[in-house]
């Protein structure tokens, strides 16, 4: 038995992308044993959260240090192939263009080399009052570890 002290995985950074392995549980699926479409958003959120944790930008710490909250302003998602009960998948996350108070994130769900889901997100930084807030320099520098060095990820041709 694995000791509880080891805790859940935060994933890993490999090839300039954050990779979070996940298993598909019964609760994630519909009556056919296929991942329910809305659950993909939860999986993607876990990928972004664990990426931030790994690079020292945990939600709670960033909020405490600078009053910054991360919010998803826009999400475009393509469901390409299903995932099924008991399979393992990887949530792959990369960071695109960073602007003053927002950044693009590109995420994929993969089963091995097979692309299952692709999402492009616009993530904004806001203050406690809900107003736009500048992306802190610490966050900007840390996110460079998973930055996509090509043109703006708003282009549909960019892959991570």
N, C-alpha and C. Protein backbone atom coordinates (compact mmCIF):
# COMPACT_ATOMS: atom_id res chain seq x y z
N UNK A 1 0.85 -1.17 0.00
CA UNK A 1 0.00 0.00 0.00
C UNK A 1 0.89 1.24 0.00
N UNK A 2 0.50 2.26 -0.78
CA UNK A 2 1.26 3.50 -0.88
C UNK A 2 0.93 4.41 0.30
N UNK A 3 1.94 4.96 0.96
CA UNK A 3 1.66 5.86 2.08
C UNK A 3 0.93 7.12 1.61
N UNK A 4 0.00 7.59 2.42
CA UNK A 4 -0.76 8.79 2.09
C UNK A 4 0.14 10.02 2.02
N UNK A 5 1.28 9.98 2.69
CA UNK A 5 2.18 11.12 2.71
C UNK A 5 2.71 11.46 1.31
N UNK A 6 2.70 10.48 0.40
CA UNK A 6 3.18 10.75 -0.95
C UNK A 6 2.24 11.70 -1.68
N UNK A 7 0.97 11.67 -1.36
CA UNK A 7 0.01 12.60 -1.93
C UNK A 7 -0.24 12.40 -3.41
N UNK A 8 -1.13 13.21 -3.96
CA UNK A 8 -1.46 13.11 -5.38
C UNK A 8 -0.34 13.66 -6.25
N UNK A 9 -0.35 13.28 -7.49
CA UNK A 9 0.69 13.75 -8.40
C UNK A 9 0.43 15.18 -8.85
N UNK A 10 1.50 15.90 -9.05
CA UNK A 10 1.44 17.24 -9.61
C UNK A 10 1.79 17.17 -11.09
N UNK A 11 2.15 16.00 -11.56
CA UNK A 11 2.54 15.83 -12.94
C UNK A 11 4.02 16.12 -13.12
N UNK A 12 4.37 16.45 -14.36
CA UNK A 12 5.77 16.71 -14.68
C UNK A 12 5.85 17.69 -15.84
N UNK A 13 6.99 18.34 -15.96
CA UNK A 13 7.24 19.18 -17.12
C UNK A 13 8.20 18.43 -18.00
N UNK A 14 7.80 18.25 -19.24
CA UNK A 14 8.58 17.46 -20.18
C UNK A 14 8.48 18.12 -21.55
N UNK A 15 9.61 18.41 -22.15
CA UNK A 15 9.60 19.02 -23.47
C UNK A 15 8.92 20.38 -23.50
N UNK A 16 8.99 21.12 -22.40
CA UNK A 16 8.39 22.44 -22.35
C UNK A 16 6.89 22.45 -22.19
N UNK A 17 6.31 21.32 -21.79
CA UNK A 17 4.86 21.23 -21.55
C UNK A 17 4.64 20.54 -20.22
N UNK A 18 3.57 20.92 -19.53
CA UNK A 18 3.19 20.25 -18.29
C UNK A 18 2.30 19.07 -18.65
N UNK A 19 2.57 17.91 -18.05
CA UNK A 19 1.81 16.69 -18.31
C UNK A 19 1.27 16.17 -16.99
N UNK A 20 -0.05 16.03 -16.94
CA UNK A 20 -0.72 15.50 -15.75
C UNK A 20 -1.42 14.20 -16.13
N UNK A 21 -0.94 13.05 -15.61
CA UNK A 21 -1.64 11.79 -15.89
C UNK A 21 -2.90 11.67 -15.04
N UNK A 22 -3.97 11.18 -15.65
CA UNK A 22 -5.24 10.96 -14.96
C UNK A 22 -5.82 9.61 -15.36
N UNK A 23 -6.56 9.02 -14.44
CA UNK A 23 -7.31 7.79 -14.73
C UNK A 23 -8.78 8.17 -14.85
N UNK A 24 -9.48 7.49 -15.73
CA UNK A 24 -10.91 7.72 -15.91
C UNK A 24 -11.67 6.81 -14.96
N UNK A 25 -12.45 7.42 -14.07
CA UNK A 25 -13.24 6.68 -13.09
C UNK A 25 -14.70 6.59 -13.53
N UNK A 26 -15.41 5.70 -12.90
CA UNK A 26 -16.84 5.49 -13.18
C UNK A 26 -17.60 6.81 -13.11
N UNK A 27 -17.30 7.61 -12.10
CA UNK A 27 -18.00 8.89 -11.90
C UNK A 27 -17.77 9.89 -13.03
N UNK A 28 -16.73 9.66 -13.86
CA UNK A 28 -16.40 10.56 -14.96
C UNK A 28 -17.17 10.24 -16.24
N UNK A 29 -17.86 9.10 -16.25
CA UNK A 29 -18.43 8.60 -17.49
C UNK A 29 -19.95 8.69 -17.54
N UNK A 30 -20.46 8.54 -18.75
CA UNK A 30 -21.90 8.48 -18.95
C UNK A 30 -22.34 7.01 -18.92
N UNK A 31 -23.57 6.75 -19.29
CA UNK A 31 -24.12 5.39 -19.22
C UNK A 31 -23.40 4.41 -20.16
N UNK A 32 -22.69 4.94 -21.15
CA UNK A 32 -21.97 4.08 -22.09
C UNK A 32 -20.52 3.85 -21.67
N UNK A 33 -20.12 4.42 -20.54
CA UNK A 33 -18.75 4.25 -20.08
C UNK A 33 -17.77 5.18 -20.77
N UNK A 34 -18.28 6.24 -21.42
CA UNK A 34 -17.46 7.23 -22.12
C UNK A 34 -17.44 8.50 -21.27
N UNK A 35 -16.29 9.20 -21.24
CA UNK A 35 -16.19 10.43 -20.46
C UNK A 35 -17.28 11.40 -20.90
N UNK A 36 -18.05 11.86 -19.93
CA UNK A 36 -19.11 12.85 -20.15
C UNK A 36 -18.45 14.16 -20.56
N UNK A 37 -18.99 14.82 -21.58
CA UNK A 37 -18.32 15.97 -22.20
C UNK A 37 -17.94 17.07 -21.21
N UNK A 38 -18.79 17.37 -20.24
CA UNK A 38 -18.50 18.46 -19.29
C UNK A 38 -17.35 18.11 -18.35
N UNK A 39 -17.10 16.84 -18.14
CA UNK A 39 -16.00 16.44 -17.25
C UNK A 39 -14.63 16.77 -17.83
N UNK A 40 -14.55 16.92 -19.15
CA UNK A 40 -13.27 17.32 -19.75
C UNK A 40 -12.83 18.67 -19.20
N UNK A 41 -13.78 19.57 -18.94
CA UNK A 41 -13.42 20.89 -18.38
C UNK A 41 -12.79 20.73 -17.00
N UNK A 42 -13.29 19.79 -16.21
CA UNK A 42 -12.69 19.52 -14.89
C UNK A 42 -11.26 19.00 -15.04
N UNK A 43 -11.06 18.10 -15.99
CA UNK A 43 -9.73 17.54 -16.21
C UNK A 43 -8.75 18.65 -16.64
N UNK A 44 -9.20 19.52 -17.52
CA UNK A 44 -8.35 20.61 -17.98
C UNK A 44 -8.01 21.57 -16.83
N UNK A 45 -9.00 21.84 -15.99
CA UNK A 45 -8.76 22.70 -14.81
C UNK A 45 -7.70 22.08 -13.90
N UNK A 46 -7.77 20.78 -13.71
CA UNK A 46 -6.75 20.11 -12.89
C UNK A 46 -5.37 20.27 -13.52
N UNK A 47 -5.29 20.14 -14.83
CA UNK A 47 -4.01 20.32 -15.52
C UNK A 47 -3.43 21.71 -15.30
N UNK A 48 -4.26 22.75 -15.46
CA UNK A 48 -3.78 24.12 -15.25
C UNK A 48 -3.40 24.35 -13.79
N UNK A 49 -4.21 23.85 -12.88
CA UNK A 49 -3.94 24.04 -11.45
C UNK A 49 -2.63 23.38 -11.04
N UNK A 50 -2.40 22.15 -11.50
CA UNK A 50 -1.17 21.45 -11.14
C UNK A 50 0.04 22.06 -11.81
N UNK A 51 -0.12 22.60 -13.01
CA UNK A 51 0.98 23.34 -13.63
C UNK A 51 1.35 24.52 -12.76
N UNK A 52 0.37 25.31 -12.34
CA UNK A 52 0.64 26.48 -11.50
C UNK A 52 1.30 26.07 -10.19
N UNK A 53 0.83 24.98 -9.60
CA UNK A 53 1.41 24.49 -8.36
C UNK A 53 2.88 24.11 -8.57
N UNK A 54 3.16 23.43 -9.68
CA UNK A 54 4.51 22.95 -9.95
C UNK A 54 5.51 24.10 -10.15
N UNK A 55 5.05 25.21 -10.72
CA UNK A 55 5.97 26.33 -10.97
C UNK A 55 5.91 27.39 -9.88
N UNK A 56 5.29 27.04 -8.74
CA UNK A 56 5.28 27.92 -7.58
C UNK A 56 4.23 29.01 -7.60
N UNK A 57 3.15 28.79 -8.34
CA UNK A 57 2.08 29.79 -8.45
C UNK A 57 0.74 29.25 -7.99
N UNK A 58 0.73 28.52 -6.89
CA UNK A 58 -0.54 27.98 -6.39
C UNK A 58 -1.58 29.08 -6.28
N UNK A 59 -2.82 28.74 -6.58
CA UNK A 59 -3.91 29.71 -6.53
C UNK A 59 -3.93 30.46 -5.19
N UNK A 60 -3.92 29.72 -4.10
CA UNK A 60 -4.04 30.35 -2.78
C UNK A 60 -2.83 31.23 -2.46
N UNK A 61 -1.63 30.81 -2.84
CA UNK A 61 -0.43 31.59 -2.55
C UNK A 61 -0.41 32.88 -3.38
N UNK A 62 -0.78 32.78 -4.65
CA UNK A 62 -0.80 33.97 -5.50
C UNK A 62 -1.85 34.96 -5.01
N UNK A 63 -2.99 34.44 -4.60
CA UNK A 63 -4.06 35.30 -4.06
C UNK A 63 -3.58 36.00 -2.78
N UNK A 64 -2.91 35.25 -1.90
CA UNK A 64 -2.44 35.82 -0.64
C UNK A 64 -1.32 36.85 -0.87
N UNK A 65 -0.41 36.56 -1.80
CA UNK A 65 0.73 37.44 -2.03
C UNK A 65 0.39 38.70 -2.82
N UNK A 66 -0.50 38.58 -3.81
CA UNK A 66 -0.73 39.73 -4.68
C UNK A 66 -2.20 40.05 -4.92
N UNK A 67 -3.11 39.28 -4.32
CA UNK A 67 -4.53 39.55 -4.51
C UNK A 67 -5.04 39.17 -5.89
N UNK A 68 -4.28 38.36 -6.61
CA UNK A 68 -4.62 37.98 -7.98
C UNK A 68 -5.45 36.70 -7.98
N UNK A 69 -6.48 36.71 -8.80
CA UNK A 69 -7.31 35.52 -9.04
C UNK A 69 -7.22 35.19 -10.53
N UNK A 70 -7.15 33.90 -10.85
CA UNK A 70 -7.17 33.45 -12.24
C UNK A 70 -8.60 33.13 -12.61
N UNK A 71 -9.06 33.60 -13.75
CA UNK A 71 -10.40 33.27 -14.24
C UNK A 71 -10.32 32.92 -15.72
N UNK A 72 -11.14 31.96 -16.13
CA UNK A 72 -11.23 31.62 -17.54
C UNK A 72 -12.23 32.59 -18.18
N UNK A 73 -11.77 33.34 -19.16
CA UNK A 73 -12.63 34.28 -19.85
C UNK A 73 -13.25 33.65 -21.09
N UNK A 74 -12.50 32.78 -21.73
CA UNK A 74 -12.99 32.13 -22.94
C UNK A 74 -12.39 30.74 -23.03
N UNK A 75 -13.17 29.81 -23.55
CA UNK A 75 -12.69 28.44 -23.76
C UNK A 75 -13.30 27.91 -25.05
N UNK A 76 -12.44 27.47 -25.93
CA UNK A 76 -12.87 26.79 -27.15
C UNK A 76 -12.36 25.36 -27.03
N UNK A 77 -13.26 24.40 -27.19
CA UNK A 77 -12.86 23.01 -26.97
C UNK A 77 -13.35 22.15 -28.13
N UNK A 78 -12.47 21.28 -28.60
CA UNK A 78 -12.81 20.32 -29.65
C UNK A 78 -12.71 18.93 -29.07
N UNK A 79 -13.81 18.19 -29.17
CA UNK A 79 -13.86 16.80 -28.71
C UNK A 79 -13.60 15.92 -29.93
N UNK A 80 -12.46 15.27 -29.97
CA UNK A 80 -12.05 14.54 -31.16
C UNK A 80 -12.26 13.03 -31.06
N UNK A 81 -11.96 12.47 -29.89
CA UNK A 81 -12.10 11.03 -29.66
C UNK A 81 -12.54 10.81 -28.23
N UNK A 82 -13.25 9.72 -27.97
CA UNK A 82 -13.70 9.46 -26.60
C UNK A 82 -12.60 8.82 -25.74
N UNK A 83 -12.75 8.98 -24.45
CA UNK A 83 -11.96 8.23 -23.48
C UNK A 83 -12.96 7.41 -22.68
N UNK A 84 -12.52 6.24 -22.22
CA UNK A 84 -13.44 5.31 -21.57
C UNK A 84 -12.99 4.94 -20.16
N UNK A 85 -13.94 4.40 -19.44
CA UNK A 85 -13.73 3.94 -18.08
C UNK A 85 -12.44 3.13 -17.95
N UNK A 86 -11.67 3.43 -16.92
CA UNK A 86 -10.42 2.76 -16.54
C UNK A 86 -9.22 3.09 -17.41
N UNK A 87 -9.38 3.88 -18.47
CA UNK A 87 -8.22 4.27 -19.26
C UNK A 87 -7.42 5.32 -18.51
N UNK A 88 -6.16 5.48 -18.89
CA UNK A 88 -5.35 6.58 -18.38
C UNK A 88 -5.09 7.54 -19.53
N UNK A 89 -5.12 8.81 -19.20
CA UNK A 89 -4.90 9.86 -20.19
C UNK A 89 -3.90 10.85 -19.62
N UNK A 90 -3.36 11.69 -20.47
CA UNK A 90 -2.49 12.78 -20.05
C UNK A 90 -3.15 14.10 -20.44
N UNK A 91 -3.16 15.03 -19.51
CA UNK A 91 -3.58 16.40 -19.80
C UNK A 91 -2.30 17.18 -20.02
N UNK A 92 -2.12 17.72 -21.22
CA UNK A 92 -0.91 18.43 -21.62
C UNK A 92 -1.24 19.91 -21.71
N UNK A 93 -0.44 20.73 -21.02
CA UNK A 93 -0.72 22.17 -20.94
C UNK A 93 0.50 22.98 -21.35
N UNK A 94 0.26 23.97 -22.19
CA UNK A 94 1.29 24.93 -22.59
C UNK A 94 0.73 26.34 -22.51
N UNK A 95 1.62 27.30 -22.40
CA UNK A 95 1.23 28.70 -22.28
C UNK A 95 1.57 29.42 -23.58
N UNK A 96 0.60 30.15 -24.10
CA UNK A 96 0.81 30.93 -25.31
C UNK A 96 1.14 32.37 -25.00
N UNK A 97 0.60 33.25 -25.77
CA UNK A 97 0.87 34.67 -25.66
C UNK A 97 0.46 35.21 -24.28
N UNK A 98 1.36 35.98 -23.68
CA UNK A 98 1.06 36.64 -22.40
C UNK A 98 0.91 38.13 -22.67
N UNK A 99 -0.20 38.68 -22.21
CA UNK A 99 -0.46 40.10 -22.36
C UNK A 99 -0.45 40.74 -20.97
N UNK A 100 -0.86 41.96 -20.86
CA UNK A 100 -0.83 42.67 -19.58
C UNK A 100 -1.56 41.96 -18.46
N UNK A 101 -2.84 41.62 -18.69
CA UNK A 101 -3.65 41.02 -17.63
C UNK A 101 -4.22 39.66 -18.04
N UNK A 102 -3.72 39.09 -19.13
CA UNK A 102 -4.27 37.80 -19.57
C UNK A 102 -3.22 37.00 -20.32
N UNK A 103 -3.52 35.74 -20.53
CA UNK A 103 -2.63 34.86 -21.27
C UNK A 103 -3.45 33.77 -21.94
N UNK A 104 -2.90 33.23 -23.01
CA UNK A 104 -3.51 32.11 -23.70
C UNK A 104 -2.93 30.83 -23.16
N UNK A 105 -3.78 29.83 -23.00
CA UNK A 105 -3.30 28.50 -22.62
C UNK A 105 -3.87 27.52 -23.63
N UNK A 106 -3.04 26.58 -24.03
CA UNK A 106 -3.47 25.53 -24.94
C UNK A 106 -3.32 24.22 -24.20
N UNK A 107 -4.40 23.44 -24.23
CA UNK A 107 -4.39 22.16 -23.52
C UNK A 107 -4.88 21.06 -24.44
N UNK A 108 -4.31 19.90 -24.22
CA UNK A 108 -4.73 18.70 -24.95
C UNK A 108 -4.91 17.56 -23.97
N UNK A 109 -5.83 16.69 -24.29
CA UNK A 109 -5.94 15.42 -23.58
C UNK A 109 -5.47 14.36 -24.57
N UNK A 110 -4.58 13.52 -24.12
CA UNK A 110 -3.98 12.50 -24.99
C UNK A 110 -4.04 11.13 -24.33
N UNK A 111 -4.20 10.12 -25.15
CA UNK A 111 -4.05 8.73 -24.73
C UNK A 111 -2.87 8.23 -25.55
N UNK A 112 -1.70 8.23 -24.91
CA UNK A 112 -0.49 7.95 -25.66
C UNK A 112 -0.27 9.08 -26.66
N UNK A 113 -0.12 8.73 -27.92
CA UNK A 113 0.07 9.74 -28.97
C UNK A 113 -1.25 10.22 -29.56
N UNK A 114 -2.35 9.58 -29.17
CA UNK A 114 -3.65 9.89 -29.75
C UNK A 114 -4.28 11.13 -29.10
N UNK A 115 -4.61 12.11 -29.91
CA UNK A 115 -5.23 13.34 -29.43
C UNK A 115 -6.73 13.11 -29.24
N UNK A 116 -7.21 13.35 -28.02
CA UNK A 116 -8.63 13.14 -27.69
C UNK A 116 -9.41 14.45 -27.66
N UNK A 117 -8.84 15.45 -26.98
CA UNK A 117 -9.51 16.74 -26.78
C UNK A 117 -8.46 17.82 -26.91
N UNK A 118 -8.87 18.93 -27.52
CA UNK A 118 -7.99 20.10 -27.63
C UNK A 118 -8.78 21.33 -27.20
N UNK A 119 -8.16 22.16 -26.34
CA UNK A 119 -8.83 23.36 -25.85
C UNK A 119 -7.88 24.56 -25.92
N UNK A 120 -8.43 25.69 -26.29
CA UNK A 120 -7.72 26.96 -26.26
C UNK A 120 -8.45 27.86 -25.29
N UNK A 121 -7.72 28.41 -24.34
CA UNK A 121 -8.34 29.23 -23.30
C UNK A 121 -7.70 30.60 -23.22
N UNK A 122 -8.51 31.58 -22.89
CA UNK A 122 -8.02 32.90 -22.53
C UNK A 122 -8.22 33.00 -21.03
N UNK A 123 -7.13 33.09 -20.29
CA UNK A 123 -7.16 33.15 -18.83
C UNK A 123 -6.79 34.57 -18.42
N UNK A 124 -7.61 35.17 -17.58
CA UNK A 124 -7.38 36.55 -17.15
C UNK A 124 -7.01 36.59 -15.67
N UNK A 125 -6.30 37.63 -15.31
CA UNK A 125 -5.97 37.92 -13.91
C UNK A 125 -6.89 39.05 -13.47
N UNK A 126 -7.55 38.85 -12.33
CA UNK A 126 -8.40 39.90 -11.80
C UNK A 126 -8.07 40.13 -10.33
N UNK A 127 -8.40 41.32 -9.86
CA UNK A 127 -8.21 41.66 -8.45
C UNK A 127 -9.40 41.14 -7.66
N UNK A 128 -9.35 41.28 -6.35
CA UNK A 128 -10.44 40.85 -5.49
C UNK A 128 -11.74 41.59 -5.82
N UNK A 129 -11.62 42.80 -6.37
CA UNK A 129 -12.81 43.58 -6.73
C UNK A 129 -13.37 43.18 -8.10
N UNK A 130 -12.66 42.28 -8.79
CA UNK A 130 -13.14 41.82 -10.10
C UNK A 130 -12.62 42.63 -11.28
N UNK A 131 -11.72 43.56 -11.03
CA UNK A 131 -11.13 44.38 -12.10
C UNK A 131 -9.90 43.68 -12.65
N UNK A 132 -9.56 43.92 -13.92
CA UNK A 132 -8.34 43.34 -14.49
C UNK A 132 -7.12 43.74 -13.66
N UNK A 133 -6.21 42.80 -13.51
CA UNK A 133 -4.97 43.05 -12.77
C UNK A 133 -3.80 42.54 -13.61
N UNK A 134 -2.71 43.25 -13.57
CA UNK A 134 -1.53 42.85 -14.35
C UNK A 134 -1.04 41.47 -13.92
N UNK A 135 -0.62 40.70 -14.89
CA UNK A 135 -0.01 39.41 -14.63
C UNK A 135 1.31 39.70 -13.89
N UNK A 136 1.48 39.20 -12.65
CA UNK A 136 2.69 39.49 -11.89
C UNK A 136 3.95 39.01 -12.63
N UNK A 137 5.02 39.75 -12.49
CA UNK A 137 6.29 39.40 -13.13
C UNK A 137 6.73 37.99 -12.74
N UNK A 138 6.53 37.62 -11.47
CA UNK A 138 6.87 36.28 -11.00
C UNK A 138 6.13 35.22 -11.82
N UNK A 139 4.85 35.45 -12.07
CA UNK A 139 4.04 34.50 -12.86
C UNK A 139 4.51 34.48 -14.30
N UNK A 140 4.75 35.64 -14.87
CA UNK A 140 5.20 35.74 -16.26
C UNK A 140 6.51 34.96 -16.45
N UNK A 141 7.45 35.16 -15.54
CA UNK A 141 8.74 34.46 -15.64
C UNK A 141 8.58 32.96 -15.45
N UNK A 142 7.76 32.54 -14.48
CA UNK A 142 7.58 31.11 -14.22
C UNK A 142 6.89 30.41 -15.39
N UNK A 143 5.94 31.08 -16.02
CA UNK A 143 5.20 30.47 -17.13
C UNK A 143 6.05 30.31 -18.39
N UNK A 144 7.18 30.98 -18.45
CA UNK A 144 8.07 30.83 -19.61
C UNK A 144 8.56 29.39 -19.74
N UNK A 145 8.52 28.65 -18.64
CA UNK A 145 8.97 27.25 -18.66
C UNK A 145 8.10 26.38 -19.57
N UNK A 146 6.86 26.80 -19.76
CA UNK A 146 5.94 26.03 -20.62
C UNK A 146 5.39 26.91 -21.75
N UNK A 147 6.17 27.93 -22.14
CA UNK A 147 5.72 28.85 -23.18
C UNK A 147 5.88 28.22 -24.56
N UNK A 148 4.89 28.46 -25.37
CA UNK A 148 4.94 28.05 -26.77
C UNK A 148 5.63 29.17 -27.51
N UNK A 149 6.79 28.88 -28.08
CA UNK A 149 7.65 29.92 -28.64
C UNK A 149 7.26 30.34 -30.05
N UNK A 150 6.21 29.80 -30.57
CA UNK A 150 5.81 30.16 -31.93
C UNK A 150 4.85 31.34 -31.91
N UNK A 151 4.22 31.60 -33.04
CA UNK A 151 3.27 32.71 -33.14
C UNK A 151 2.12 32.54 -32.15
N UNK A 152 1.26 33.52 -32.11
CA UNK A 152 0.16 33.52 -31.15
C UNK A 152 -0.66 32.22 -31.23
N UNK A 153 -0.96 31.62 -30.07
CA UNK A 153 -1.74 30.39 -30.07
C UNK A 153 -3.20 30.61 -30.47
N UNK A 154 -3.57 31.85 -30.74
CA UNK A 154 -4.93 32.09 -31.23
C UNK A 154 -5.11 31.51 -32.63
N UNK A 155 -3.99 31.17 -33.26
CA UNK A 155 -4.05 30.51 -34.56
C UNK A 155 -4.43 29.06 -34.36
N UNK A 156 -5.33 28.55 -35.15
CA UNK A 156 -5.79 27.16 -35.04
C UNK A 156 -4.71 26.17 -35.51
N UNK A 157 -3.62 26.67 -36.04
CA UNK A 157 -2.58 25.78 -36.58
C UNK A 157 -1.53 25.41 -35.56
N UNK A 158 -1.56 26.01 -34.40
CA UNK A 158 -0.53 25.73 -33.39
C UNK A 158 -0.90 24.49 -32.61
N UNK A 159 0.05 23.64 -32.42
CA UNK A 159 -0.12 22.41 -31.63
C UNK A 159 0.92 22.39 -30.54
N UNK A 160 0.60 21.75 -29.43
CA UNK A 160 1.59 21.69 -28.36
C UNK A 160 2.33 20.37 -28.40
